[in-house]
Amino acid sequence: MDSNFLGKDQFIWWKGVVEDRKDPIMLGRVKVRIFGWHSEDPQQILTDDLPWASVSTPADTGRNPVGLKEGDWVW
């Protein structure tokens, strides 16, 4: 049985809050502080040190001209 699909093996589901959306290579990524993984204290882990997260689907789908913004919760 092939187990190389989303949700099996090494994949980790998470929830977090968007802290930065100024992707320097303009791929639409956002920096996310993951709840329970990263410290809630921004002095312990700076926003600059958070990982970039890829957005799996357009966040605005053409209906919301703003899209994701700092403070939005994401999966």
C-alpha atoms as a PDB file:
ATOM      1  CA  MET A   1       0.000   0.000   0.000  1.00  0.00           C
ATOM      2  CA  ASP A   2       1.355   3.426  -0.969  1.00  0.00           C
ATOM      3  CA  SER A   3       1.460   5.747   2.064  1.00  0.00           C
ATOM      4  CA  ASN A   4       3.006   8.777   0.344  1.00  0.00           C
ATOM      5  CA  PHE A   5       0.020  11.074   0.450  1.00  0.00           C
ATOM      6  CA  LEU A   6      -1.075  14.030   2.544  1.00  0.00           C
ATOM      7  CA  GLY A   7      -1.915  13.023   6.095  1.00  0.00           C
ATOM      8  CA  LYS A   8       0.310   9.930   6.372  1.00  0.00           C
ATOM      9  CA  ASP A   9       3.850   9.303   7.572  1.00  0.00           C
ATOM     10  CA  GLN A  10       5.822  12.524   8.161  1.00  0.00           C
ATOM     11  CA  PHE A  11       3.078  15.073   7.451  1.00  0.00           C
ATOM     12  CA  ILE A  12       2.083  17.230  10.440  1.00  0.00           C
ATOM     13  CA  TRP A  13      -1.193  19.174  10.531  1.00  0.00           C
ATOM     14  CA  TRP A  14      -0.976  22.501  12.354  1.00  0.00           C
ATOM     15  CA  LYS A  15      -2.861  25.718  13.025  1.00  0.00           C
ATOM     16  CA  GLY A  16      -1.251  29.114  13.401  1.00  0.00           C
ATOM     17  CA  VAL A  17      -1.463  32.861  12.932  1.00  0.00           C
ATOM     18  CA  VAL A  18      -0.101  34.822   9.973  1.00  0.00           C
ATOM     19  CA  GLU A  19       2.606  37.276  11.078  1.00  0.00           C
ATOM     20  CA  ASP A  20       4.122  38.362   7.751  1.00  0.00           C
ATOM     21  CA  ARG A  21       2.956  38.243   4.141  1.00  0.00           C
ATOM     22  CA  LYS A  22       5.752  40.180   2.444  1.00  0.00           C
ATOM     23  CA  ASP A  23       7.254  37.209   0.593  1.00  0.00           C
ATOM     24  CA  PRO A  24      10.583  38.415  -0.852  1.00  0.00           C
ATOM     25  CA  ILE A  25      10.363  36.033  -3.820  1.00  0.00           C
ATOM     26  CA  MET A  26       6.655  36.769  -4.394  1.00  0.00           C
ATOM     27  CA  LEU A  27       5.321  33.213  -4.289  1.00  0.00           C
ATOM     28  CA  GLY A  28       2.344  34.159  -2.100  1.00  0.00           C
ATOM     29  CA  ARG A  29       3.822  32.538   1.027  1.00  0.00           C
ATOM     30  CA  VAL A  30       3.164  33.776   4.567  1.00  0.00           C
ATOM     31  CA  LYS A  31       5.162  33.521   7.796  1.00  0.00           C
ATOM     32  CA  VAL A  32       3.136  31.652  10.400  1.00  0.00           C
ATOM     33  CA  ARG A  33       3.524  31.296  14.171  1.00  0.00           C
ATOM     34  CA  ILE A  34       2.282  27.743  14.778  1.00  0.00           C
ATOM     35  CA  PHE A  35       0.251  27.268  17.957  1.00  0.00           C
ATOM     36  CA  GLY A  36       1.912  24.855  20.369  1.00  0.00           C
ATOM     37  CA  TRP A  37       5.056  24.645  18.233  1.00  0.00           C
ATOM     38  CA  HIS A  38       6.465  28.181  18.315  1.00  0.00           C
ATOM     39  CA  SER A  39       6.577  30.328  21.429  1.00  0.00           C
ATOM     40  CA  GLU A  40       3.792  32.875  21.674  1.00  0.00           C
ATOM     41  CA  ASP A  41       6.432  35.333  22.879  1.00  0.00           C
ATOM     42  CA  PRO A  42       7.755  37.167  19.794  1.00  0.00           C
ATOM     43  CA  GLN A  43      10.968  37.929  21.710  1.00  0.00           C
ATOM     44  CA  GLN A  44      11.820  34.208  21.957  1.00  0.00           C
ATOM     45  CA  ILE A  45      11.220  33.472  18.272  1.00  0.00           C
ATOM     46  CA  LEU A  46      11.295  36.562  16.059  1.00  0.00           C
ATOM     47  CA  THR A  47       8.878  36.836  13.149  1.00  0.00           C
ATOM     48  CA  ASP A  48      11.904  36.881  10.814  1.00  0.00           C
ATOM     49  CA  ASP A  49      12.856  33.418  12.136  1.00  0.00           C
ATOM     50  CA  LEU A  50       9.441  31.825  11.497  1.00  0.00           C
ATOM     51  CA  PRO A  51       9.097  29.487   8.507  1.00  0.00           C
ATOM     52  CA  TRP A  52       7.403  30.475   5.277  1.00  0.00           C
ATOM     53  CA  ALA A  53       4.181  28.563   4.641  1.00  0.00           C
ATOM     54  CA  SER A  54       2.819  27.917   1.164  1.00  0.00           C
ATOM     55  CA  VAL A  55      -0.813  28.761   0.572  1.00  0.00           C
ATOM     56  CA  SER A  56      -2.547  25.724  -0.896  1.00  0.00           C
ATOM     57  CA  THR A  57      -5.468  27.547  -2.464  1.00  0.00           C
ATOM     58  CA  PRO A  58      -6.005  31.184  -3.344  1.00  0.00           C
ATOM     59  CA  ALA A  59      -6.984  32.827  -0.096  1.00  0.00           C
ATOM     60  CA  ASP A  60      -9.334  35.305  -1.733  1.00  0.00           C
ATOM     61  CA  THR A  61     -10.936  33.203  -4.546  1.00  0.00           C
ATOM     62  CA  GLY A  62     -11.708  36.491  -6.273  1.00  0.00           C
ATOM     63  CA  ARG A  63     -14.284  37.544  -3.668  1.00  0.00           C
ATOM     64  CA  ASN A  64     -12.028  39.146  -1.053  1.00  0.00           C
ATOM     65  CA  PRO A  65      -9.711  41.818  -2.468  1.00  0.00           C
ATOM     66  CA  VAL A  66      -7.503  41.712   0.644  1.00  0.00           C
ATOM     67  CA  GLY A  67      -6.683  37.980   0.912  1.00  0.00           C
ATOM     68  CA  LEU A  68      -4.664  36.778   3.918  1.00  0.00           C
ATOM     69  CA  LYS A  69      -3.409  39.412   6.310  1.00  0.00           C
ATOM     70  CA  GLU A  70      -1.410  39.553   9.526  1.00  0.00           C
ATOM     71  CA  GLY A  71      -3.487  38.151  12.395  1.00  0.00           C
ATOM     72  CA  ASP A  72      -5.481  35.682  10.275  1.00  0.00           C
ATOM     73  CA  TRP A  73      -5.565  32.101  11.554  1.00  0.00           C
ATOM     74  CA  VAL A  74      -4.585  29.404   9.077  1.00  0.00           C
ATOM     75  CA  TRP A  75      -4.319  25.595   8.899  1.00  0.00           C
END
